[in-house]
PDB file of N, CA and C in Angstrom:
ATOM      1  N   MET A   1     123.389  94.671  97.490  1.00  0.00           N
ATOM      2  CA  MET A   1     122.717  95.910  97.834  1.00  0.00           C
ATOM      3  C   MET A   1     122.451  96.674  96.544  1.00  0.00           C
ATOM      4  N   ASN A   2     121.234  97.068  96.343  1.00  0.00           N
ATOM      5  CA  ASN A   2     120.906  97.857  95.159  1.00  0.00           C
ATOM      6  C   ASN A   2     120.917  99.346  95.516  1.00  0.00           C
ATOM      7  N   ASN A   3     120.631 100.175  94.531  1.00  0.00           N
ATOM      8  CA  ASN A   3     120.703 101.624  94.699  1.00  0.00           C
ATOM      9  C   ASN A   3     119.751 102.115  95.792  1.00  0.00           C
ATOM     10  N   LYS A   4     118.525 101.603  95.791  1.00  0.00           N
ATOM     11  CA  LYS A   4     117.530 102.037  96.773  1.00  0.00           C
ATOM     12  C   LYS A   4     117.966 101.673  98.191  1.00  0.00           C
ATOM     13  N   GLU A   5     118.507 100.473  98.364  1.00  0.00           N
ATOM     14  CA  GLU A   5     118.983 100.045  99.673  1.00  0.00           C
ATOM     15  C   GLU A   5     120.188 100.883 100.127  1.00  0.00           C
ATOM     16  N   LEU A   6     121.059 101.217  99.193  1.00  0.00           N
ATOM     17  CA  LEU A   6     122.218 102.043  99.514  1.00  0.00           C
ATOM     18  C   LEU A   6     121.784 103.431  99.969  1.00  0.00           C
ATOM     19  N   ILE A   7     120.824 104.008  99.286  1.00  0.00           N
ATOM     20  CA  ILE A   7     120.320 105.338  99.660  1.00  0.00           C
ATOM     21  C   ILE A   7     119.679 105.294 101.044  1.00  0.00           C
ATOM     22  N   SER A   8     118.895 104.260 101.320  1.00  0.00           N
ATOM     23  CA  SER A   8     118.267 104.128 102.639  1.00  0.00           C
ATOM     24  C   SER A   8     119.311 103.968 103.734  1.00  0.00           C
ATOM     25  N   ALA A   9     120.339 103.153 103.487  1.00  0.00           N
ATOM     26  CA  ALA A   9     121.398 102.959 104.477  1.00  0.00           C
ATOM     27  C   ALA A   9     122.180 104.249 104.692  1.00  0.00           C
ATOM     28  N   LEU A  10     122.441 104.986 103.623  1.00  0.00           N
ATOM     29  CA  LEU A  10     123.149 106.261 103.730  1.00  0.00           C
ATOM     30  C   LEU A  10     122.329 107.258 104.536  1.00  0.00           C
ATOM     31  N   ALA A  11     121.026 107.297 104.298  1.00  0.00           N
ATOM     32  CA  ALA A  11     120.148 108.200 105.047  1.00  0.00           C
ATOM     33  C   ALA A  11     120.131 107.829 106.524  1.00  0.00           C
ATOM     34  N   ALA A  12     120.058 106.535 106.823  1.00  0.00           N
ATOM     35  CA  ALA A  12     120.041 106.103 108.215  1.00  0.00           C
ATOM     36  C   ALA A  12     121.366 106.401 108.908  1.00  0.00           C
ATOM     37  N   ALA A  13     122.479 106.189 108.213  1.00  0.00           N
ATOM     38  CA  ALA A  13     123.798 106.404 108.809  1.00  0.00           C
ATOM     39  C   ALA A  13     124.084 107.877 109.068  1.00  0.00           C
ATOM     40  N   THR A  14     123.552 108.754 108.217  1.00  0.00           N
ATOM     41  CA  THR A  14     123.830 110.179 108.375  1.00  0.00           C
ATOM     42  C   THR A  14     122.720 110.924 109.111  1.00  0.00           C
ATOM     43  N   GLY A  15     121.596 110.254 109.334  1.00  0.00           N
ATOM     44  CA  GLY A  15     120.485 110.905 110.014  1.00  0.00           C
ATOM     45  C   GLY A  15     119.778 111.922 109.132  1.00  0.00           C
ATOM     46  N   SER A  16     119.884 111.749 107.815  1.00  0.00           N
ATOM     47  CA  SER A  16     119.237 112.688 106.897  1.00  0.00           C
ATOM     48  C   SER A  16     118.029 112.027 106.242  1.00  0.00           C
ATOM     49  N   LYS A  17     117.319 112.796 105.457  1.00  0.00           N
ATOM     50  CA  LYS A  17     116.152 112.272 104.743  1.00  0.00           C
ATOM     51  C   LYS A  17     116.610 111.458 103.546  1.00  0.00           C
ATOM     52  N   VAL A  18     115.745 110.533 103.125  1.00  0.00           N
ATOM     53  CA  VAL A  18     116.068 109.662 102.002  1.00  0.00           C
ATOM     54  C   VAL A  18     116.298 110.485 100.735  1.00  0.00           C
ATOM     55  N   GLY A  19     115.517 111.522 100.510  1.00  0.00           N
ATOM     56  CA  GLY A  19     115.679 112.374  99.329  1.00  0.00           C
ATOM     57  C   GLY A  19     117.024 113.081  99.312  1.00  0.00           C
ATOM     58  N   ASP A  20     117.444 113.564 100.496  1.00  0.00           N
ATOM     59  CA  ASP A  20     118.747 114.233 100.587  1.00  0.00           C
ATOM     60  C   ASP A  20     119.884 113.246 100.334  1.00  0.00           C
ATOM     61  N   ALA A  21     119.753 112.041 100.881  1.00  0.00           N
ATOM     62  CA  ALA A  21     120.779 111.014 100.671  1.00  0.00           C
ATOM     63  C   ALA A  21     120.839 110.612  99.202  1.00  0.00           C
ATOM     64  N   GLY A  22     119.694 110.552  98.546  1.00  0.00           N
ATOM     65  CA  GLY A  22     119.660 110.228  97.120  1.00  0.00           C
ATOM     66  C   GLY A  22     120.356 111.279  96.275  1.00  0.00           C
ATOM     67  N   ARG A  23     120.116 112.543  96.598  1.00  0.00           N
ATOM     68  CA  ARG A  23     120.791 113.625  95.873  1.00  0.00           C
ATOM     69  C   ARG A  23     122.293 113.614  96.131  1.00  0.00           C
ATOM     70  N   LEU A  24     122.685 113.296  97.357  1.00  0.00           N
ATOM     71  CA  LEU A  24     124.104 113.213  97.686  1.00  0.00           C
ATOM     72  C   LEU A  24     124.777 112.107  96.883  1.00  0.00           C
ATOM     73  N   LEU A  25     124.165 110.932  96.837  1.00  0.00           N
ATOM     74  CA  LEU A  25     124.734 109.825  96.077  1.00  0.00           C
ATOM     75  C   LEU A  25     124.784 110.144  94.586  1.00  0.00           C
ATOM     76  N   GLU A  26     123.753 110.786  94.077  1.00  0.00           N
ATOM     77  CA  GLU A  26     123.729 111.180  92.663  1.00  0.00           C
ATOM     78  C   GLU A  26     124.847 112.177  92.351  1.00  0.00           C
ATOM     79  N   THR A  27     125.087 113.118  93.259  1.00  0.00           N
ATOM     80  CA  THR A  27     126.149 114.101  93.068  1.00  0.00           C
ATOM     81  C   THR A  27     127.518 113.438  93.084  1.00  0.00           C
ATOM     82  N   VAL A  28     127.730 112.517  94.008  1.00  0.00           N
ATOM     83  CA  VAL A  28     129.019 111.819  94.092  1.00  0.00           C
ATOM     84  C   VAL A  28     129.272 111.028  92.816  1.00  0.00           C
ATOM     85  N   THR A  29     128.282 110.285  92.340  1.00  0.00           N
ATOM     86  CA  THR A  29     128.479 109.495  91.120  1.00  0.00           C
ATOM     87  C   THR A  29     128.677 110.394  89.901  1.00  0.00           C
ATOM     88  N   MET A  30     128.011 111.548  89.861  1.00  0.00           N
ATOM     89  CA  MET A  30     128.189 112.476  88.753  1.00  0.00           C
ATOM     90  C   MET A  30     129.620 113.043  88.755  1.00  0.00           C
ATOM     91  N   LEU A  31     130.114 113.408  89.933  1.00  0.00           N
ATOM     92  CA  LEU A  31     131.478 113.928  90.034  1.00  0.00           C
ATOM     93  C   LEU A  31     132.505 112.864  89.653  1.00  0.00           C
ATOM     94  N   MET A  32     132.278 111.639  90.087  1.00  0.00           N
ATOM     95  CA  MET A  32     133.187 110.557  89.704  1.00  0.00           C
ATOM     96  C   MET A  32     133.154 110.351  88.197  1.00  0.00           C
ATOM     97  N   GLY A  33     131.981 110.391  87.600  1.00  0.00           N
ATOM     98  CA  GLY A  33     131.848 110.245  86.155  1.00  0.00           C
ATOM     99  C   GLY A  33     132.579 111.335  85.399  1.00  0.00           C
ATOM    100  N   ASP A  34     132.533 112.558  85.929  1.00  0.00           N
ATOM    101  CA  ASP A  34     133.261 113.664  85.288  1.00  0.00           C
ATOM    102  C   ASP A  34     134.765 113.399  85.290  1.00  0.00           C
ATOM    103  N   HIS A  35     135.269 112.861  86.381  1.00  0.00           N
ATOM    104  CA  HIS A  35     136.705 112.552  86.443  1.00  0.00           C
ATOM    105  C   HIS A  35     137.054 111.394  85.505  1.00  0.00           C
ATOM    106  N   PHE A  36     136.181 110.405  85.410  1.00  0.00           N
ATOM    107  CA  PHE A  36     136.445 109.286  84.505  1.00  0.00           C
ATOM    108  C   PHE A  36     136.459 109.752  83.053  1.00  0.00           C
ATOM    109  N   ALA A  37     135.620 110.727  82.732  1.00  0.00           N
ATOM    110  CA  ALA A  37     135.583 111.256  81.369  1.00  0.00           C
ATOM    111  C   ALA A  37     136.900 111.940  81.007  1.00  0.00           C
ATOM    112  N   LYS A  38     137.630 112.433  82.020  1.00  0.00           N
ATOM    113  CA  LYS A  38     138.927 113.079  81.798  1.00  0.00           C
ATOM    114  C   LYS A  38     140.082 112.095  81.964  1.00  0.00           C
ATOM    115  N   ASP A  39     139.789 110.800  82.054  1.00  0.00           N
ATOM    116  CA  ASP A  39     140.787 109.743  82.280  1.00  0.00           C
ATOM    117  C   ASP A  39     141.493 109.885  83.621  1.00  0.00           C
ATOM    118  N   ASP A  40     140.844 110.502  84.593  1.00  0.00           N
ATOM    119  CA  ASP A  40     141.397 110.602  85.947  1.00  0.00           C
ATOM    120  C   ASP A  40     140.937 109.405  86.765  1.00  0.00           C
ATOM    121  N   SER A  41     141.725 109.028  87.753  1.00  0.00           N
ATOM    122  CA  SER A  41     141.300 107.983  88.669  1.00  0.00           C
ATOM    123  C   SER A  41     140.676 108.634  89.901  1.00  0.00           C
ATOM    124  N   VAL A  42     139.873 107.860  90.610  1.00  0.00           N
ATOM    125  CA  VAL A  42     139.230 108.339  91.832  1.00  0.00           C
ATOM    126  C   VAL A  42     139.606 107.372  92.945  1.00  0.00           C
ATOM    127  N   GLN A  43     140.261 107.896  93.987  1.00  0.00           N
ATOM    128  CA  GLN A  43     140.694 107.068  95.101  1.00  0.00           C
ATOM    129  C   GLN A  43     139.840 107.388  96.317  1.00  0.00           C
ATOM    130  N   LEU A  44     139.224 106.348  96.886  1.00  0.00           N
ATOM    131  CA  LEU A  44     138.405 106.507  98.079  1.00  0.00           C
ATOM    132  C   LEU A  44     139.112 105.798  99.236  1.00  0.00           C
ATOM    133  N   ALA A  45     139.422 106.536 100.283  1.00  0.00           N
ATOM    134  CA  ALA A  45     140.169 105.988 101.412  1.00  0.00           C
ATOM    135  C   ALA A  45     139.423 104.812 102.031  1.00  0.00           C
ATOM    136  N   GLY A  46     140.139 103.722 102.249  1.00  0.00           N
ATOM    137  CA  GLY A  46     139.559 102.539 102.868  1.00  0.00           C
ATOM    138  C   GLY A  46     138.758 101.671 101.923  1.00  0.00           C
ATOM    139  N   LEU A  47     138.497 102.132 100.703  1.00  0.00           N
ATOM    140  CA  LEU A  47     137.715 101.352  99.740  1.00  0.00           C
ATOM    141  C   LEU A  47     138.592 100.893  98.584  1.00  0.00           C
ATOM    142  N   GLY A  48     139.192 101.833  97.884  1.00  0.00           N
ATOM    143  CA  GLY A  48     140.056 101.474  96.767  1.00  0.00           C
ATOM    144  C   GLY A  48     140.104 102.571  95.733  1.00  0.00           C
ATOM    145  N   THR A  49     140.610 102.199  94.548  1.00  0.00           N
ATOM    146  CA  THR A  49     140.802 103.155  93.463  1.00  0.00           C
ATOM    147  C   THR A  49     140.035 102.705  92.231  1.00  0.00           C
ATOM    148  N   PHE A  50     139.248 103.622  91.684  1.00  0.00           N
ATOM    149  CA  PHE A  50     138.566 103.406  90.410  1.00  0.00           C
ATOM    150  C   PHE A  50     139.405 104.094  89.350  1.00  0.00           C
ATOM    151  N   GLU A  51     139.690 103.392  88.252  1.00  0.00           N
ATOM    152  CA  GLU A  51     140.498 104.001  87.205  1.00  0.00           C
ATOM    153  C   GLU A  51     140.022 103.558  85.828  1.00  0.00           C
ATOM    154  N   VAL A  52     140.238 104.448  84.867  1.00  0.00           N
ATOM    155  CA  VAL A  52     139.895 104.151  83.479  1.00  0.00           C
ATOM    156  C   VAL A  52     141.079 103.419  82.858  1.00  0.00           C
ATOM    157  N   ARG A  53     140.792 102.261  82.272  1.00  0.00           N
ATOM    158  CA  ARG A  53     141.835 101.474  81.623  1.00  0.00           C
ATOM    159  C   ARG A  53     141.530 101.358  80.144  1.00  0.00           C
ATOM    160  N   LYS A  54     142.583 101.294  79.350  1.00  0.00           N
ATOM    161  CA  LYS A  54     142.429 101.159  77.901  1.00  0.00           C
ATOM    162  C   LYS A  54     142.637  99.712  77.507  1.00  0.00           C
ATOM    163  N   LYS A  55     141.657  99.130  76.830  1.00  0.00           N
ATOM    164  CA  LYS A  55     141.808  97.781  76.296  1.00  0.00           C
ATOM    165  C   LYS A  55     142.235  97.908  74.841  1.00  0.00           C
ATOM    166  N   MET A  56     143.260  97.208  74.480  1.00  0.00           N
ATOM    167  CA  MET A  56     143.785  97.267  73.120  1.00  0.00           C
ATOM    168  C   MET A  56     142.846  96.541  72.157  1.00  0.00           C
ATOM    169  N   GLU A  57     142.992  96.859  70.877  1.00  0.00           N
ATOM    170  CA  GLU A  57     142.193  96.152  69.888  1.00  0.00           C
ATOM    171  C   GLU A  57     142.684  94.708  69.811  1.00  0.00           C
ATOM    172  N   ARG A  58     141.756  93.816  69.462  1.00  0.00           N
ATOM    173  CA  ARG A  58     142.125  92.408  69.409  1.00  0.00           C
ATOM    174  C   ARG A  58     141.290  91.700  68.350  1.00  0.00           C
ATOM    175  N   VAL A  59     141.754  90.536  67.968  1.00  0.00           N
ATOM    176  CA  VAL A  59     141.057  89.726  66.981  1.00  0.00           C
ATOM    177  C   VAL A  59     140.370  88.582  67.719  1.00  0.00           C
ATOM    178  N   ILE A  60     139.086  88.392  67.433  1.00  0.00           N
ATOM    179  CA  ILE A  60     138.355  87.276  68.013  1.00  0.00           C
ATOM    180  C   ILE A  60     137.876  86.368  66.891  1.00  0.00           C
ATOM    181  N   VAL A  61     137.554  85.134  67.238  1.00  0.00           N
ATOM    182  CA  VAL A  61     137.080  84.167  66.258  1.00  0.00           C
ATOM    183  C   VAL A  61     135.717  83.664  66.692  1.00  0.00           C
ATOM    184  N   ASN A  62     134.750  83.732  65.785  1.00  0.00           N
ATOM    185  CA  ASN A  62     133.426  83.181  66.032  1.00  0.00           C
ATOM    186  C   ASN A  62     133.557  81.654  65.979  1.00  0.00           C
ATOM    187  N   PRO A  63     133.289  80.949  67.082  1.00  0.00           N
ATOM    188  CA  PRO A  63     133.494  79.505  67.090  1.00  0.00           C
ATOM    189  C   PRO A  63     132.548  78.745  66.160  1.00  0.00           C
ATOM    190  N   ALA A  64     131.386  79.304  65.873  1.00  0.00           N
ATOM    191  CA  ALA A  64     130.425  78.612  65.015  1.00  0.00           C
ATOM    192  C   ALA A  64     130.821  78.695  63.543  1.00  0.00           C
ATOM    193  N   THR A  65     131.331  79.852  63.121  1.00  0.00           N
ATOM    194  CA  THR A  65     131.633  80.047  61.698  1.00  0.00           C
ATOM    195  C   THR A  65     133.129  80.082  61.403  1.00  0.00           C
ATOM    196  N   GLY A  66     133.939  80.297  62.424  1.00  0.00           N
ATOM    197  CA  GLY A  66     135.366  80.431  62.210  1.00  0.00           C
ATOM    198  C   GLY A  66     135.769  81.792  61.674  1.00  0.00           C
ATOM    199  N   GLN A  67     134.803  82.695  61.545  1.00  0.00           N
ATOM    200  CA  GLN A  67     135.074  84.032  61.021  1.00  0.00           C
ATOM    201  C   GLN A  67     135.863  84.851  62.042  1.00  0.00           C
ATOM    202  N   ARG A  68     136.910  85.513  61.581  1.00  0.00           N
ATOM    203  CA  ARG A  68     137.730  86.363  62.429  1.00  0.00           C
ATOM    204  C   ARG A  68     137.185  87.794  62.365  1.00  0.00           C
ATOM    205  N   MET A  69     137.111  88.440  63.542  1.00  0.00           N
ATOM    206  CA  MET A  69     136.606  89.808  63.616  1.00  0.00           C
ATOM    207  C   MET A  69     137.554  90.642  64.470  1.00  0.00           C
ATOM    208  N   LEU A  70     137.663  91.911  64.122  1.00  0.00           N
ATOM    209  CA  LEU A  70     138.507  92.837  64.866  1.00  0.00           C
ATOM    210  C   LEU A  70     137.639  93.600  65.862  1.00  0.00           C
ATOM    211  N   VAL A  71     137.989  93.530  67.140  1.00  0.00           N
ATOM    212  CA  VAL A  71     137.294  94.288  68.176  1.00  0.00           C
ATOM    213  C   VAL A  71     138.099  95.563  68.390  1.00  0.00           C
ATOM    214  N   PRO A  72     137.477  96.729  68.211  1.00  0.00           N
ATOM    215  CA  PRO A  72     138.224  97.987  68.338  1.00  0.00           C
ATOM    216  C   PRO A  72     138.644  98.252  69.785  1.00  0.00           C
ATOM    217  N   PRO A  73     139.636  99.128  69.979  1.00  0.00           N
ATOM    218  CA  PRO A  73     140.042  99.466  71.350  1.00  0.00           C
ATOM    219  C   PRO A  73     138.914 100.195  72.066  1.00  0.00           C
ATOM    220  N   LYS A  74     138.881 100.053  73.391  1.00  0.00           N
ATOM    221  CA  LYS A  74     137.841 100.735  74.165  1.00  0.00           C
ATOM    222  C   LYS A  74     138.347 101.037  75.563  1.00  0.00           C
ATOM    223  N   LEU A  75     137.643 101.920  76.236  1.00  0.00           N
ATOM    224  CA  LEU A  75     137.954 102.286  77.609  1.00  0.00           C
ATOM    225  C   LEU A  75     137.018 101.532  78.544  1.00  0.00           C
ATOM    226  N   VAL A  76     137.560 100.983  79.618  1.00  0.00           N
ATOM    227  CA  VAL A  76     136.760 100.277  80.616  1.00  0.00           C
ATOM    228  C   VAL A  76     137.107 100.825  81.994  1.00  0.00           C
ATOM    229  N   LEU A  77     136.179 100.694  82.923  1.00  0.00           N
ATOM    230  CA  LEU A  77     136.395 101.159  84.278  1.00  0.00           C
ATOM    231  C   LEU A  77     136.893  99.991  85.116  1.00  0.00           C
ATOM    232  N   GLY A  78     138.016 100.193  85.785  1.00  0.00           N
ATOM    233  CA  GLY A  78     138.587  99.157  86.636  1.00  0.00           C
ATOM    234  C   GLY A  78     138.568  99.585  88.085  1.00  0.00           C
ATOM    235  N   PHE A  79     138.648  98.601  88.976  1.00  0.00           N
ATOM    236  CA  PHE A  79     138.652  98.871  90.414  1.00  0.00           C
ATOM    237  C   PHE A  79     139.769  98.074  91.063  1.00  0.00           C
ATOM    238  N   LYS A  80     140.568  98.749  91.871  1.00  0.00           N
ATOM    239  CA  LYS A  80     141.626  98.102  92.630  1.00  0.00           C
ATOM    240  C   LYS A  80     141.305  98.318  94.108  1.00  0.00           C
ATOM    241  N   PRO A  81     140.930  97.244  94.826  1.00  0.00           N
ATOM    242  CA  PRO A  81     140.526  97.416  96.227  1.00  0.00           C
ATOM    243  C   PRO A  81     141.689  97.804  97.128  1.00  0.00           C
ATOM    244  N   HIS A  82     141.371  98.493  98.195  1.00  0.00           N
ATOM    245  CA  HIS A  82     142.344  98.875  99.215  1.00  0.00           C
ATOM    246  C   HIS A  82     142.831  97.603  99.905  1.00  0.00           C
ATOM    247  N   LEU A  83     144.050  97.611 100.392  1.00  0.00           N
ATOM    248  CA  LEU A  83     144.645  96.433 101.021  1.00  0.00           C
ATOM    249  C   LEU A  83     143.795  95.931 102.195  1.00  0.00           C
ATOM    250  N   ALA A  84     143.269  96.846 103.009  1.00  0.00           N
ATOM    251  CA  ALA A  84     142.440  96.445 104.154  1.00  0.00           C
ATOM    252  C   ALA A  84     141.172  95.740 103.686  1.00  0.00           C
ATOM    253  N   LEU A  85     140.620  96.172 102.570  1.00  0.00           N
ATOM    254  CA  LEU A  85     139.425  95.542 102.014  1.00  0.00           C
ATOM    255  C   LEU A  85     139.748  94.151 101.479  1.00  0.00           C
ATOM    256  N   LYS A  86     140.932  93.993 100.902  1.00  0.00           N
ATOM    257  CA  LYS A  86     141.370  92.683 100.428  1.00  0.00           C
ATOM    258  C   LYS A  86     141.497  91.706 101.587  1.00  0.00           C
ATOM    259  N   GLU A  87     142.003  92.187 102.711  1.00  0.00           N
ATOM    260  CA  GLU A  87     142.199  91.329 103.889  1.00  0.00           C
ATOM    261  C   GLU A  87     140.865  90.837 104.458  1.00  0.00           C
ATOM    262  N   LEU A  88     139.809  91.622 104.335  1.00  0.00           N
ATOM    263  CA  LEU A  88     138.490  91.200 104.809  1.00  0.00           C
ATOM    264  C   LEU A  88     137.972  90.001 104.029  1.00  0.00           C
ATOM    265  N   GLY A  89     138.322  89.933 102.752  1.00  0.00           N
ATOM    266  CA  GLY A  89     137.847  88.861 101.894  1.00  0.00           C
ATOM    267  C   GLY A  89     138.550  87.540 102.095  1.00  0.00           C
ATOM    268  N   LYS A  90     139.650  87.541 102.825  1.00  0.00           N
ATOM    269  CA  LYS A  90     140.416  86.302 103.024  1.00  0.00           C
ATOM    270  C   LYS A  90     139.898  85.493 104.165  1.00  0.00           C
TER     271      LYS A  90
END
């Protein structure tokens, strides 16, 4: 499902206009982004938890040249699904 399909499904499920559903989805993602910028996690009932994780710096090797390079630490977004959602996948 892409963004446009999600907005259409949200509009149909709530009985609202597509434009209103688009603004709602944009607001939700903006609010989630604000929390991620503060290193906060976002928990959605029945779906799971989105959290910012820190990846440590590491050394990688270019297989073609054998050159070693240092990859700096970075923040990545992780997702831990809710237990009920995990059970659906089994």
